[in-house]
C-alpha cells in the first residue's frame, strides 16, 4: 500500500518516551510486548537499543522472501505509530510462506541490530523465536499494496484502521463507535429500532386522503393524449412543417409525457408500511436495511483492536429490555477496553 509506506521518523507524532539507559524501552500495558513506537520514535531512531532482546507483535504491512527463500524481510506495524519496524526472519525459524503475506499477524522475539550502512532503517529486528502466527489468505485479504481511496475503504470498514489514512498515534486509542448500527452485538434482539418507514407511511396516507390516487381510466386517458400528441408531431415532420410549429408540438408532447409519468408514480403510492414477500421491505427504509440504537460498541472497537492493538471506547448504549427495575436501564454509558 503506497499510502501505508513507513513515514520518516521525524514526521511521526510526538510521543512520551523514556530514552534513558535504565529503561531503554517501554512495554505495552497488560503485556510483555514492546511497542514499536518506543523503539522507532527515539531521537536515535532506535539505534541505541542495538543488542537488546525484545518481543514485538503486529501485522505485516509488506513481506518478501530473499536469498532464494532462506530468509524474509517483514515490515511490521503494531498500530502504536505510523512507522514500521523491519523484521528479518530466517527460514529455519518459521515457514516463510506463512508469514510474508500482507495482513499476517505475528508475535516474535529477537535481537535488535544495526542494519548495514546505506539503508534507510536505523535499527532492525533479527527474529530468534516466533511465538504466534495469525495467517491470512493472500487471495482474499482485501488491502492491496496500492494507494487506497476513501470510497474503497467504505466497503471494508473493519479493515480501515490498518491503513495510514485511519490509524493511531498513541498507546491506547479512543474510538468513538457509532450510535446507530445494523449489528446486534449481544445477540438478544432487545434493541431499539431506528426506522423511517412509519413516518413515511403516515405522510403517504395523508397525501392520498388529500389527493386520491389516479384511477386506471385516468392513466389510460393520459396515455391516449401522449399517443395523440406523438402522432401530431410525426404528421408535422412528414409534412415538413416549419421549425416553430414542430417545436411547439414537441413541447406539448413533452408535457403530456410528464403528466403521464406523474400519474403513474402516484398510482404506485400505497397506504401502510411497504412489504415484500409478506415481510417489511427495509430496502425502502432510510438505511436500506434494519438499523438500531447500539447495545454495545464492542464489535466496532474490536476491529480497531485487530489493527492498532490497544483501544478503548466510552459511549451510550441502549437496551430495550422489558424489565422495569432499578437493575435494568434503557440507556447507560459503557466503557470497553480492548
C-alpha atoms as a PDB file:
ATOM      1  CA  UNK A   1       0.000   0.000   0.000  1.00  0.00           C
ATOM      2  CA  UNK A   2       1.664   3.178  -1.160  1.00  0.00           C
ATOM      3  CA  UNK A   3      -0.093   5.318   1.400  1.00  0.00           C
ATOM      4  CA  UNK A   4       0.964   2.875   4.081  1.00  0.00           C
ATOM      5  CA  UNK A   5       4.712   3.078   3.497  1.00  0.00           C
ATOM      6  CA  UNK A   6       6.705   3.952   6.597  1.00  0.00           C
ATOM      7  CA  UNK A   7       6.911   7.745   7.048  1.00  0.00           C
ATOM      8  CA  UNK A   8      10.142   9.379   8.246  1.00  0.00           C
ATOM      9  CA  UNK A   9      10.651   9.180  11.993  1.00  0.00           C
ATOM     10  CA  UNK A  10      10.949  12.983  12.107  1.00  0.00           C
ATOM     11  CA  UNK A  11       7.372  13.283  10.898  1.00  0.00           C
ATOM     12  CA  UNK A  12       5.903  10.846  13.398  1.00  0.00           C
ATOM     13  CA  UNK A  13       3.622  12.064  16.151  1.00  0.00           C
ATOM     14  CA  UNK A  14       5.363  13.259  19.285  1.00  0.00           C
ATOM     15  CA  UNK A  15       5.212  10.642  21.989  1.00  0.00           C
ATOM     16  CA  UNK A  16       6.179  10.479  25.646  1.00  0.00           C
ATOM     17  CA  UNK A  17       9.264   8.247  25.582  1.00  0.00           C
ATOM     18  CA  UNK A  18      11.977   7.270  28.023  1.00  0.00           C
ATOM     19  CA  UNK A  19      15.382   7.365  26.346  1.00  0.00           C
ATOM     20  CA  UNK A  20      17.276   6.585  29.494  1.00  0.00           C
ATOM     21  CA  UNK A  21      19.708   3.725  29.920  1.00  0.00           C
ATOM     22  CA  UNK A  22      17.942   2.097  32.885  1.00  0.00           C
ATOM     23  CA  UNK A  23      14.628   1.759  30.976  1.00  0.00           C
ATOM     24  CA  UNK A  24      15.574   1.665  27.280  1.00  0.00           C
ATOM     25  CA  UNK A  25      12.066   0.917  26.080  1.00  0.00           C
ATOM     26  CA  UNK A  26       8.545   0.600  27.458  1.00  0.00           C
ATOM     27  CA  UNK A  27       6.392  -2.493  27.294  1.00  0.00           C
ATOM     28  CA  UNK A  28       2.718  -2.434  26.420  1.00  0.00           C
ATOM     29  CA  UNK A  29       0.291  -2.334  29.326  1.00  0.00           C
ATOM     30  CA  UNK A  30      -1.012  -5.762  30.350  1.00  0.00           C
ATOM     31  CA  UNK A  31       1.591  -7.418  28.089  1.00  0.00           C
ATOM     32  CA  UNK A  32       5.311  -8.109  27.792  1.00  0.00           C
ATOM     33  CA  UNK A  33       5.183  -6.905  24.192  1.00  0.00           C
ATOM     34  CA  UNK A  34       7.366  -3.872  23.409  1.00  0.00           C
ATOM     35  CA  UNK A  35       5.609  -1.120  21.478  1.00  0.00           C
ATOM     36  CA  UNK A  36       7.233  -0.373  18.148  1.00  0.00           C
ATOM     37  CA  UNK A  37       6.681   3.322  18.861  1.00  0.00           C
ATOM     38  CA  UNK A  38       9.058   3.189  21.850  1.00  0.00           C
ATOM     39  CA  UNK A  39      11.773   1.798  19.582  1.00  0.00           C
ATOM     40  CA  UNK A  40      11.465   3.919  16.452  1.00  0.00           C
ATOM     41  CA  UNK A  41      10.412   7.253  17.984  1.00  0.00           C
ATOM     42  CA  UNK A  42      13.633   7.681  19.928  1.00  0.00           C
ATOM     43  CA  UNK A  43      15.910  10.514  18.910  1.00  0.00           C
ATOM     44  CA  UNK A  44      18.378   7.940  17.526  1.00  0.00           C
ATOM     45  CA  UNK A  45      15.635   6.042  15.662  1.00  0.00           C
ATOM     46  CA  UNK A  46      16.245   3.017  17.881  1.00  0.00           C
ATOM     47  CA  UNK A  47      19.928   2.607  17.064  1.00  0.00           C
ATOM     48  CA  UNK A  48      20.860   2.961  20.730  1.00  0.00           C
ATOM     49  CA  UNK A  49      18.832  -0.166  21.528  1.00  0.00           C
ATOM     50  CA  UNK A  50      21.024  -2.448  19.399  1.00  0.00           C
ATOM     51  CA  UNK A  51      21.870  -5.576  21.351  1.00  0.00           C
ATOM     52  CA  UNK A  52      18.600  -5.611  23.291  1.00  0.00           C
ATOM     53  CA  UNK A  53      16.278  -8.630  23.124  1.00  0.00           C
ATOM     54  CA  UNK A  54      12.642  -7.631  22.676  1.00  0.00           C
ATOM     55  CA  UNK A  55       9.281  -9.194  21.918  1.00  0.00           C
ATOM     56  CA  UNK A  56       7.080  -7.352  19.425  1.00  0.00           C
ATOM     57  CA  UNK A  57       3.771  -8.135  17.773  1.00  0.00           C
ATOM     58  CA  UNK A  58       1.720  -6.649  14.993  1.00  0.00           C
ATOM     59  CA  UNK A  59       0.584  -7.017  11.416  1.00  0.00           C
ATOM     60  CA  UNK A  60       2.724  -7.443   8.331  1.00  0.00           C
ATOM     61  CA  UNK A  61       2.376  -4.401   6.065  1.00  0.00           C
ATOM     62  CA  UNK A  62       4.698  -5.889   3.428  1.00  0.00           C
ATOM     63  CA  UNK A  63       6.798  -9.036   3.306  1.00  0.00           C
ATOM     64  CA  UNK A  64       9.225 -10.555   0.827  1.00  0.00           C
ATOM     65  CA  UNK A  65      11.414 -13.607   0.712  1.00  0.00           C
ATOM     66  CA  UNK A  66      15.107 -13.143  -0.106  1.00  0.00           C
ATOM     67  CA  UNK A  67      18.183 -15.287  -0.604  1.00  0.00           C
ATOM     68  CA  UNK A  68      16.317 -17.939  -2.595  1.00  0.00           C
ATOM     69  CA  UNK A  69      13.872 -18.407   0.248  1.00  0.00           C
ATOM     70  CA  UNK A  70      16.483 -18.594   3.009  1.00  0.00           C
ATOM     71  CA  UNK A  71      15.102 -15.567   4.890  1.00  0.00           C
ATOM     72  CA  UNK A  72      12.428 -12.889   4.657  1.00  0.00           C
ATOM     73  CA  UNK A  73      12.052  -9.168   5.321  1.00  0.00           C
ATOM     74  CA  UNK A  74       8.865  -8.050   7.057  1.00  0.00           C
ATOM     75  CA  UNK A  75       7.603  -4.505   7.602  1.00  0.00           C
ATOM     76  CA  UNK A  76       5.793  -4.894  10.932  1.00  0.00           C
ATOM     77  CA  UNK A  77       3.323  -2.407  12.409  1.00  0.00           C
ATOM     78  CA  UNK A  78       1.537  -2.728  15.754  1.00  0.00           C
ATOM     79  CA  UNK A  79      -0.585   0.414  15.472  1.00  0.00           C
ATOM     80  CA  UNK A  80       1.333   2.351  18.127  1.00  0.00           C
ATOM     81  CA  UNK A  81       2.792   4.664  15.449  1.00  0.00           C
ATOM     82  CA  UNK A  82       2.683   5.067  11.658  1.00  0.00           C
ATOM     83  CA  UNK A  83       6.227   3.753  11.153  1.00  0.00           C
ATOM     84  CA  UNK A  84       7.074   0.087  10.556  1.00  0.00           C
ATOM     85  CA  UNK A  85       9.833  -1.984  12.155  1.00  0.00           C
ATOM     86  CA  UNK A  86      11.921  -4.036   9.749  1.00  0.00           C
ATOM     87  CA  UNK A  87      11.985  -7.652  10.876  1.00  0.00           C
ATOM     88  CA  UNK A  88      14.232 -10.382   9.473  1.00  0.00           C
ATOM     89  CA  UNK A  89      13.125 -13.999   9.808  1.00  0.00           C
ATOM     90  CA  UNK A  90      15.262 -16.994   8.785  1.00  0.00           C
ATOM     91  CA  UNK A  91      13.590 -19.978   7.135  1.00  0.00           C
ATOM     92  CA  UNK A  92      14.912 -22.157   9.972  1.00  0.00           C
ATOM     93  CA  UNK A  93      12.879 -20.137  12.488  1.00  0.00           C
ATOM     94  CA  UNK A  94       9.461 -20.220  10.787  1.00  0.00           C
ATOM     95  CA  UNK A  95       7.840 -21.171   7.453  1.00  0.00           C
ATOM     96  CA  UNK A  96       8.344 -18.026   5.393  1.00  0.00           C
ATOM     97  CA  UNK A  97       5.377 -18.609   3.098  1.00  0.00           C
ATOM     98  CA  UNK A  98       3.069 -18.382   6.089  1.00  0.00           C
ATOM     99  CA  UNK A  99       4.353 -15.094   7.492  1.00  0.00           C
ATOM    100  CA  UNK A 100       5.161 -12.886   4.484  1.00  0.00           C
ATOM    101  CA  UNK A 101       1.601 -12.198   3.173  1.00  0.00           C
ATOM    102  CA  UNK A 102       0.289  -8.703   3.889  1.00  0.00           C
ATOM    103  CA  UNK A 103      -2.089  -8.730   6.852  1.00  0.00           C
ATOM    104  CA  UNK A 104      -0.493 -11.658   8.687  1.00  0.00           C
ATOM    105  CA  UNK A 105      -0.489 -11.232  12.471  1.00  0.00           C
ATOM    106  CA  UNK A 106       2.757 -12.241  14.197  1.00  0.00           C
ATOM    107  CA  UNK A 107       4.247 -12.167  17.664  1.00  0.00           C
ATOM    108  CA  UNK A 108       8.015 -12.550  17.557  1.00  0.00           C
ATOM    109  CA  UNK A 109      11.038 -12.270  19.798  1.00  0.00           C
ATOM    110  CA  UNK A 110      14.537 -11.383  18.739  1.00  0.00           C
ATOM    111  CA  UNK A 111      17.613  -9.205  18.889  1.00  0.00           C
ATOM    112  CA  UNK A 112      17.688  -5.568  17.790  1.00  0.00           C
ATOM    113  CA  UNK A 113      20.637  -4.932  15.459  1.00  0.00           C
ATOM    114  CA  UNK A 114      22.100  -2.088  13.471  1.00  0.00           C
ATOM    115  CA  UNK A 115      21.369  -2.581   9.755  1.00  0.00           C
ATOM    116  CA  UNK A 116      24.089  -2.358   7.081  1.00  0.00           C
ATOM    117  CA  UNK A 117      25.260   1.147   6.216  1.00  0.00           C
ATOM    118  CA  UNK A 118      23.371   2.895   3.445  1.00  0.00           C
ATOM    119  CA  UNK A 119      19.933   1.545   4.381  1.00  0.00           C
ATOM    120  CA  UNK A 120      17.084   3.801   5.493  1.00  0.00           C
ATOM    121  CA  UNK A 121      16.434   1.832   8.697  1.00  0.00           C
ATOM    122  CA  UNK A 122      18.178   2.893  11.883  1.00  0.00           C
ATOM    123  CA  UNK A 123      17.529  -0.449  13.577  1.00  0.00           C
ATOM    124  CA  UNK A 124      16.106  -3.852  12.645  1.00  0.00           C
ATOM    125  CA  UNK A 125      14.989  -6.955  14.487  1.00  0.00           C
ATOM    126  CA  UNK A 126      16.595 -10.341  13.842  1.00  0.00           C
ATOM    127  CA  UNK A 127      13.957 -12.878  14.921  1.00  0.00           C
ATOM    128  CA  UNK A 128      15.004 -15.774  17.139  1.00  0.00           C
ATOM    129  CA  UNK A 129      11.546 -17.098  18.084  1.00  0.00           C
ATOM    130  CA  UNK A 130       8.115 -16.886  16.507  1.00  0.00           C
ATOM    131  CA  UNK A 131       5.526 -17.182  19.283  1.00  0.00           C
ATOM    132  CA  UNK A 132       2.377 -16.785  17.246  1.00  0.00           C
ATOM    133  CA  UNK A 133       1.236 -16.500  13.635  1.00  0.00           C
ATOM    134  CA  UNK A 134      -2.258 -15.445  12.547  1.00  0.00           C
ATOM    135  CA  UNK A 135      -2.192 -16.353   8.845  1.00  0.00           C
ATOM    136  CA  UNK A 136      -4.258 -14.772   6.081  1.00  0.00           C
ATOM    137  CA  UNK A 137      -5.286 -15.924   2.636  1.00  0.00           C
ATOM    138  CA  UNK A 138      -3.457 -13.556   0.240  1.00  0.00           C
ATOM    139  CA  UNK A 139      -6.115 -14.164  -2.413  1.00  0.00           C
ATOM    140  CA  UNK A 140      -8.866 -12.923  -0.085  1.00  0.00           C
ATOM    141  CA  UNK A 141      -7.146 -10.248   2.007  1.00  0.00           C
ATOM    142  CA  UNK A 142      -8.779  -7.019   0.736  1.00  0.00           C
ATOM    143  CA  UNK A 143      -5.975  -4.479   1.272  1.00  0.00           C
ATOM    144  CA  UNK A 144      -3.662  -4.424  -1.762  1.00  0.00           C
ATOM    145  CA  UNK A 145      -0.205  -2.814  -1.860  1.00  0.00           C
ATOM    146  CA  UNK A 146      -1.548   0.225  -3.705  1.00  0.00           C
ATOM    147  CA  UNK A 147      -2.943   3.606  -2.781  1.00  0.00           C
ATOM    148  CA  UNK A 148      -6.479   3.205  -1.465  1.00  0.00           C
ATOM    149  CA  UNK A 149      -9.331   5.668  -1.855  1.00  0.00           C
ATOM    150  CA  UNK A 150     -11.745   6.513   0.948  1.00  0.00           C
ATOM    151  CA  UNK A 151     -14.555   5.204  -1.240  1.00  0.00           C
ATOM    152  CA  UNK A 152     -12.831   1.817  -1.411  1.00  0.00           C
ATOM    153  CA  UNK A 153     -12.325   1.757   2.364  1.00  0.00           C
ATOM    154  CA  UNK A 154     -16.038   2.423   2.976  1.00  0.00           C
ATOM    155  CA  UNK A 155     -16.737  -1.080   1.664  1.00  0.00           C
ATOM    156  CA  UNK A 156     -14.310  -2.724   4.108  1.00  0.00           C
ATOM    157  CA  UNK A 157     -14.937  -0.667   7.232  1.00  0.00           C
ATOM    158  CA  UNK A 158     -13.403  -3.222   9.612  1.00  0.00           C
ATOM    159  CA  UNK A 159     -10.036  -3.007   7.797  1.00  0.00           C
ATOM    160  CA  UNK A 160      -9.784   0.803   7.654  1.00  0.00           C
ATOM    161  CA  UNK A 161      -7.729   1.089  10.861  1.00  0.00           C
ATOM    162  CA  UNK A 162      -4.930  -0.936   9.231  1.00  0.00           C
ATOM    163  CA  UNK A 163      -4.194   1.890   6.807  1.00  0.00           C
ATOM    164  CA  UNK A 164      -2.182   5.041   7.455  1.00  0.00           C
ATOM    165  CA  UNK A 165      -5.225   7.015   6.337  1.00  0.00           C
ATOM    166  CA  UNK A 166      -7.040   5.954   9.509  1.00  0.00           C
ATOM    167  CA  UNK A 167      -4.567   4.899  12.192  1.00  0.00           C
ATOM    168  CA  UNK A 168      -3.318   5.636  15.702  1.00  0.00           C
ATOM    169  CA  UNK A 169      -0.530   7.682  17.205  1.00  0.00           C
ATOM    170  CA  UNK A 170      -0.922   6.784  20.904  1.00  0.00           C
ATOM    171  CA  UNK A 171      -0.715   3.682  23.054  1.00  0.00           C
ATOM    172  CA  UNK A 172      -4.453   3.425  23.771  1.00  0.00           C
ATOM    173  CA  UNK A 173      -6.657   4.941  21.111  1.00  0.00           C
ATOM    174  CA  UNK A 174     -10.129   6.200  21.958  1.00  0.00           C
ATOM    175  CA  UNK A 175     -12.662   5.003  19.374  1.00  0.00           C
ATOM    176  CA  UNK A 176     -15.969   6.818  19.040  1.00  0.00           C
ATOM    177  CA  UNK A 177     -18.221   3.953  17.992  1.00  0.00           C
ATOM    178  CA  UNK A 178     -21.492   4.578  16.105  1.00  0.00           C
ATOM    179  CA  UNK A 179     -24.762   5.015  17.983  1.00  0.00           C
ATOM    180  CA  UNK A 180     -26.871   3.883  15.021  1.00  0.00           C
ATOM    181  CA  UNK A 181     -25.820   0.431  13.872  1.00  0.00           C
ATOM    182  CA  UNK A 182     -27.002  -2.607  11.940  1.00  0.00           C
ATOM    183  CA  UNK A 183     -25.269  -5.037  14.328  1.00  0.00           C
ATOM    184  CA  UNK A 184     -26.862  -6.876  17.233  1.00  0.00           C
ATOM    185  CA  UNK A 185     -23.735  -7.139  19.347  1.00  0.00           C
ATOM    186  CA  UNK A 186     -25.339  -9.044  22.227  1.00  0.00           C
ATOM    187  CA  UNK A 187     -27.493 -11.250  20.001  1.00  0.00           C
ATOM    188  CA  UNK A 188     -30.512 -10.944  22.286  1.00  0.00           C
ATOM    189  CA  UNK A 189     -32.703  -8.917  19.878  1.00  0.00           C
ATOM    190  CA  UNK A 190     -33.514  -6.464  22.680  1.00  0.00           C
ATOM    191  CA  UNK A 191     -32.787  -3.354  20.638  1.00  0.00           C
ATOM    192  CA  UNK A 192     -34.453  -0.032  19.936  1.00  0.00           C
ATOM    193  CA  UNK A 193     -35.104   0.147  16.215  1.00  0.00           C
ATOM    194  CA  UNK A 194     -34.342   3.190  14.073  1.00  0.00           C
ATOM    195  CA  UNK A 195     -36.888   3.318  11.251  1.00  0.00           C
ATOM    196  CA  UNK A 196     -38.330   5.971   8.931  1.00  0.00           C
ATOM    197  CA  UNK A 197     -40.883   3.758   7.171  1.00  0.00           C
ATOM    198  CA  UNK A 198     -43.571   4.535   9.746  1.00  0.00           C
ATOM    199  CA  UNK A 199     -43.348   8.312   9.344  1.00  0.00           C
ATOM    200  CA  UNK A 200     -43.078   7.896   5.566  1.00  0.00           C
ATOM    201  CA  UNK A 201     -46.233   5.746   5.561  1.00  0.00           C
ATOM    202  CA  UNK A 202     -48.107   8.371   7.576  1.00  0.00           C
ATOM    203  CA  UNK A 203     -47.114  11.057   5.063  1.00  0.00           C
ATOM    204  CA  UNK A 204     -48.314   8.884   2.168  1.00  0.00           C
ATOM    205  CA  UNK A 205     -51.643   8.207   3.859  1.00  0.00           C
ATOM    206  CA  UNK A 206     -52.230  11.919   4.446  1.00  0.00           C
ATOM    207  CA  UNK A 207     -51.292  12.673   0.837  1.00  0.00           C
ATOM    208  CA  UNK A 208     -53.670  10.010  -0.511  1.00  0.00           C
ATOM    209  CA  UNK A 209     -56.524  11.390   1.603  1.00  0.00           C
ATOM    210  CA  UNK A 210     -55.852  14.914   0.365  1.00  0.00           C
ATOM    211  CA  UNK A 211     -55.176  13.901  -3.248  1.00  0.00           C
ATOM    212  CA  UNK A 212     -56.607  10.462  -4.094  1.00  0.00           C
ATOM    213  CA  UNK A 213     -54.509   8.352  -6.499  1.00  0.00           C
ATOM    214  CA  UNK A 214     -55.482   8.329 -10.196  1.00  0.00           C
ATOM    215  CA  UNK A 215     -57.757   5.606 -11.487  1.00  0.00           C
ATOM    216  CA  UNK A 216     -56.893   3.258 -14.346  1.00  0.00           C
ATOM    217  CA  UNK A 217     -59.204   5.344 -16.537  1.00  0.00           C
ATOM    218  CA  UNK A 218     -57.166   8.479 -15.731  1.00  0.00           C
ATOM    219  CA  UNK A 219     -53.934   6.743 -16.726  1.00  0.00           C
ATOM    220  CA  UNK A 220     -55.417   5.348 -19.937  1.00  0.00           C
ATOM    221  CA  UNK A 221     -56.699   8.814 -20.854  1.00  0.00           C
ATOM    222  CA  UNK A 222     -53.233  10.291 -20.259  1.00  0.00           C
ATOM    223  CA  UNK A 223     -51.707   7.566 -22.460  1.00  0.00           C
ATOM    224  CA  UNK A 224     -54.180   8.423 -25.207  1.00  0.00           C
ATOM    225  CA  UNK A 225     -53.157  12.097 -25.024  1.00  0.00           C
ATOM    226  CA  UNK A 226     -49.471  11.112 -25.327  1.00  0.00           C
ATOM    227  CA  UNK A 227     -50.276   8.979 -28.352  1.00  0.00           C
ATOM    228  CA  UNK A 228     -52.288  11.793 -29.938  1.00  0.00           C
ATOM    229  CA  UNK A 229     -49.550  14.370 -29.374  1.00  0.00           C
ATOM    230  CA  UNK A 230     -46.937  11.961 -30.718  1.00  0.00           C
ATOM    231  CA  UNK A 231     -48.910  11.382 -33.917  1.00  0.00           C
ATOM    232  CA  UNK A 232     -49.329  15.146 -34.332  1.00  0.00           C
ATOM    233  CA  UNK A 233     -45.537  15.630 -34.162  1.00  0.00           C
ATOM    234  CA  UNK A 234     -45.000  12.827 -36.689  1.00  0.00           C
ATOM    235  CA  UNK A 235     -47.502  14.362 -39.120  1.00  0.00           C
ATOM    236  CA  UNK A 236     -45.862  17.786 -38.896  1.00  0.00           C
ATOM    237  CA  UNK A 237     -42.420  16.300 -39.558  1.00  0.00           C
ATOM    238  CA  UNK A 238     -43.658  14.263 -42.543  1.00  0.00           C
ATOM    239  CA  UNK A 239     -45.380  17.364 -43.914  1.00  0.00           C
ATOM    240  CA  UNK A 240     -42.133  19.296 -43.492  1.00  0.00           C
ATOM    241  CA  UNK A 241     -43.837  21.957 -41.381  1.00  0.00           C
ATOM    242  CA  UNK A 242     -41.962  24.964 -40.058  1.00  0.00           C
ATOM    243  CA  UNK A 243     -39.461  24.623 -37.226  1.00  0.00           C
ATOM    244  CA  UNK A 244     -41.504  26.802 -34.841  1.00  0.00           C
ATOM    245  CA  UNK A 245     -44.656  24.740 -35.391  1.00  0.00           C
ATOM    246  CA  UNK A 246     -42.811  21.433 -34.828  1.00  0.00           C
ATOM    247  CA  UNK A 247     -41.095  22.799 -31.704  1.00  0.00           C
ATOM    248  CA  UNK A 248     -44.436  23.861 -30.221  1.00  0.00           C
ATOM    249  CA  UNK A 249     -45.938  20.450 -30.963  1.00  0.00           C
ATOM    250  CA  UNK A 250     -42.952  18.651 -29.368  1.00  0.00           C
ATOM    251  CA  UNK A 251     -43.357  20.815 -26.262  1.00  0.00           C
ATOM    252  CA  UNK A 252     -46.994  19.712 -25.962  1.00  0.00           C
ATOM    253  CA  UNK A 253     -45.879  16.084 -26.314  1.00  0.00           C
ATOM    254  CA  UNK A 254     -43.302  16.514 -23.533  1.00  0.00           C
ATOM    255  CA  UNK A 255     -45.955  17.988 -21.216  1.00  0.00           C
ATOM    256  CA  UNK A 256     -48.259  15.072 -21.942  1.00  0.00           C
ATOM    257  CA  UNK A 257     -45.455  12.593 -21.129  1.00  0.00           C
ATOM    258  CA  UNK A 258     -44.628  14.395 -17.863  1.00  0.00           C
ATOM    259  CA  UNK A 259     -48.282  14.317 -16.860  1.00  0.00           C
ATOM    260  CA  UNK A 260     -48.472  10.586 -17.581  1.00  0.00           C
ATOM    261  CA  UNK A 261     -45.290   9.953 -15.585  1.00  0.00           C
ATOM    262  CA  UNK A 262     -46.683  11.821 -12.563  1.00  0.00           C
ATOM    263  CA  UNK A 263     -49.935   9.889 -12.718  1.00  0.00           C
ATOM    264  CA  UNK A 264     -48.128   6.558 -12.939  1.00  0.00           C
ATOM    265  CA  UNK A 265     -45.922   7.455  -9.985  1.00  0.00           C
ATOM    266  CA  UNK A 266     -48.925   8.473  -7.875  1.00  0.00           C
ATOM    267  CA  UNK A 267     -50.718   5.252  -8.816  1.00  0.00           C
ATOM    268  CA  UNK A 268     -47.890   3.317  -7.126  1.00  0.00           C
ATOM    269  CA  UNK A 269     -48.481   5.023  -3.768  1.00  0.00           C
ATOM    270  CA  UNK A 270     -49.980   2.542  -1.344  1.00  0.00           C
ATOM    271  CA  UNK A 271     -51.081   3.141   2.248  1.00  0.00           C
ATOM    272  CA  UNK A 272     -49.234   1.363   5.047  1.00  0.00           C
ATOM    273  CA  UNK A 273     -45.661   0.182   5.514  1.00  0.00           C
ATOM    274  CA  UNK A 274     -44.192  -1.313   2.302  1.00  0.00           C
ATOM    275  CA  UNK A 275     -43.823  -5.082   2.330  1.00  0.00           C
ATOM    276  CA  UNK A 276     -42.083  -7.719   0.240  1.00  0.00           C
ATOM    277  CA  UNK A 277     -42.771 -11.456   0.462  1.00  0.00           C
ATOM    278  CA  UNK A 278     -45.003 -10.838   3.472  1.00  0.00           C
ATOM    279  CA  UNK A 279     -42.279  -9.000   5.418  1.00  0.00           C
ATOM    280  CA  UNK A 280     -41.394  -5.341   5.912  1.00  0.00           C
ATOM    281  CA  UNK A 281     -39.384  -4.114   2.925  1.00  0.00           C
ATOM    282  CA  UNK A 282     -36.439  -2.424   4.628  1.00  0.00           C
ATOM    283  CA  UNK A 283     -34.819  -1.707   1.268  1.00  0.00           C
ATOM    284  CA  UNK A 284     -37.126   1.323   1.139  1.00  0.00           C
ATOM    285  CA  UNK A 285     -36.080   2.497   4.605  1.00  0.00           C
ATOM    286  CA  UNK A 286     -33.533   5.281   5.179  1.00  0.00           C
ATOM    287  CA  UNK A 287     -30.560   2.898   5.633  1.00  0.00           C
ATOM    288  CA  UNK A 288     -31.881   0.338   3.106  1.00  0.00           C
ATOM    289  CA  UNK A 289     -31.921  -2.331   5.867  1.00  0.00           C
ATOM    290  CA  UNK A 290     -32.746  -2.668   9.545  1.00  0.00           C
ATOM    291  CA  UNK A 291     -30.949  -0.269  11.884  1.00  0.00           C
ATOM    292  CA  UNK A 292     -30.886   0.015  15.674  1.00  0.00           C
ATOM    293  CA  UNK A 293     -29.531   2.025  18.587  1.00  0.00           C
ATOM    294  CA  UNK A 294     -26.349   0.292  19.656  1.00  0.00           C
ATOM    295  CA  UNK A 295     -26.342  -2.119  22.581  1.00  0.00           C
ATOM    296  CA  UNK A 296     -22.525  -2.068  22.709  1.00  0.00           C
ATOM    297  CA  UNK A 297     -19.575  -0.618  20.845  1.00  0.00           C
ATOM    298  CA  UNK A 298     -17.531  -3.793  21.293  1.00  0.00           C
ATOM    299  CA  UNK A 299     -17.848  -5.097  17.729  1.00  0.00           C
ATOM    300  CA  UNK A 300     -16.648  -1.836  16.201  1.00  0.00           C
ATOM    301  CA  UNK A 301     -13.838  -1.339  18.694  1.00  0.00           C
ATOM    302  CA  UNK A 302     -12.602  -4.904  18.204  1.00  0.00           C
ATOM    303  CA  UNK A 303     -11.911  -4.176  14.534  1.00  0.00           C
ATOM    304  CA  UNK A 304      -9.549  -1.430  15.710  1.00  0.00           C
ATOM    305  CA  UNK A 305      -8.008  -3.747  18.316  1.00  0.00           C
ATOM    306  CA  UNK A 306      -7.134  -6.066  15.416  1.00  0.00           C
ATOM    307  CA  UNK A 307      -5.279  -3.224  13.731  1.00  0.00           C
ATOM    308  CA  UNK A 308      -3.843  -0.846  16.337  1.00  0.00           C
ATOM    309  CA  UNK A 309      -3.593  -3.224  19.319  1.00  0.00           C
ATOM    310  CA  UNK A 310      -4.716  -1.082  22.257  1.00  0.00           C
ATOM    311  CA  UNK A 311      -8.057   0.730  22.090  1.00  0.00           C
ATOM    312  CA  UNK A 312     -10.982   1.758  24.267  1.00  0.00           C
ATOM    313  CA  UNK A 313     -14.400   3.271  23.848  1.00  0.00           C
ATOM    314  CA  UNK A 314     -16.835   5.031  26.177  1.00  0.00           C
ATOM    315  CA  UNK A 315     -20.278   5.893  24.941  1.00  0.00           C
ATOM    316  CA  UNK A 316     -24.044   5.481  25.272  1.00  0.00           C
ATOM    317  CA  UNK A 317     -25.698   2.101  24.847  1.00  0.00           C
ATOM    318  CA  UNK A 318     -29.385   1.222  24.712  1.00  0.00           C
ATOM    319  CA  UNK A 319     -31.313  -1.877  25.759  1.00  0.00           C
ATOM    320  CA  UNK A 320     -34.992  -2.469  25.028  1.00  0.00           C
ATOM    321  CA  UNK A 321     -35.464  -4.968  27.853  1.00  0.00           C
ATOM    322  CA  UNK A 322     -38.990  -5.220  29.220  1.00  0.00           C
ATOM    323  CA  UNK A 323     -37.762  -5.340  32.801  1.00  0.00           C
ATOM    324  CA  UNK A 324     -38.657  -2.089  34.503  1.00  0.00           C
ATOM    325  CA  UNK A 325     -36.499  -2.449  37.602  1.00  0.00           C
ATOM    326  CA  UNK A 326     -33.639  -0.497  39.141  1.00  0.00           C
ATOM    327  CA  UNK A 327     -31.243  -3.095  37.707  1.00  0.00           C
ATOM    328  CA  UNK A 328     -32.328  -2.658  34.096  1.00  0.00           C
ATOM    329  CA  UNK A 329     -31.561   0.573  32.274  1.00  0.00           C
ATOM    330  CA  UNK A 330     -32.853   1.611  28.868  1.00  0.00           C
ATOM    331  CA  UNK A 331     -29.819   3.883  28.389  1.00  0.00           C
ATOM    332  CA  UNK A 332     -26.412   3.870  30.041  1.00  0.00           C
ATOM    333  CA  UNK A 333     -22.775   4.557  29.230  1.00  0.00           C
ATOM    334  CA  UNK A 334     -20.393   1.663  28.685  1.00  0.00           C
ATOM    335  CA  UNK A 335     -16.603   1.614  28.840  1.00  0.00           C
ATOM    336  CA  UNK A 336     -14.918  -1.135  26.849  1.00  0.00           C
ATOM    337  CA  UNK A 337     -11.163  -1.708  26.810  1.00  0.00           C
ATOM    338  CA  UNK A 338      -9.509  -3.962  24.229  1.00  0.00           C
END
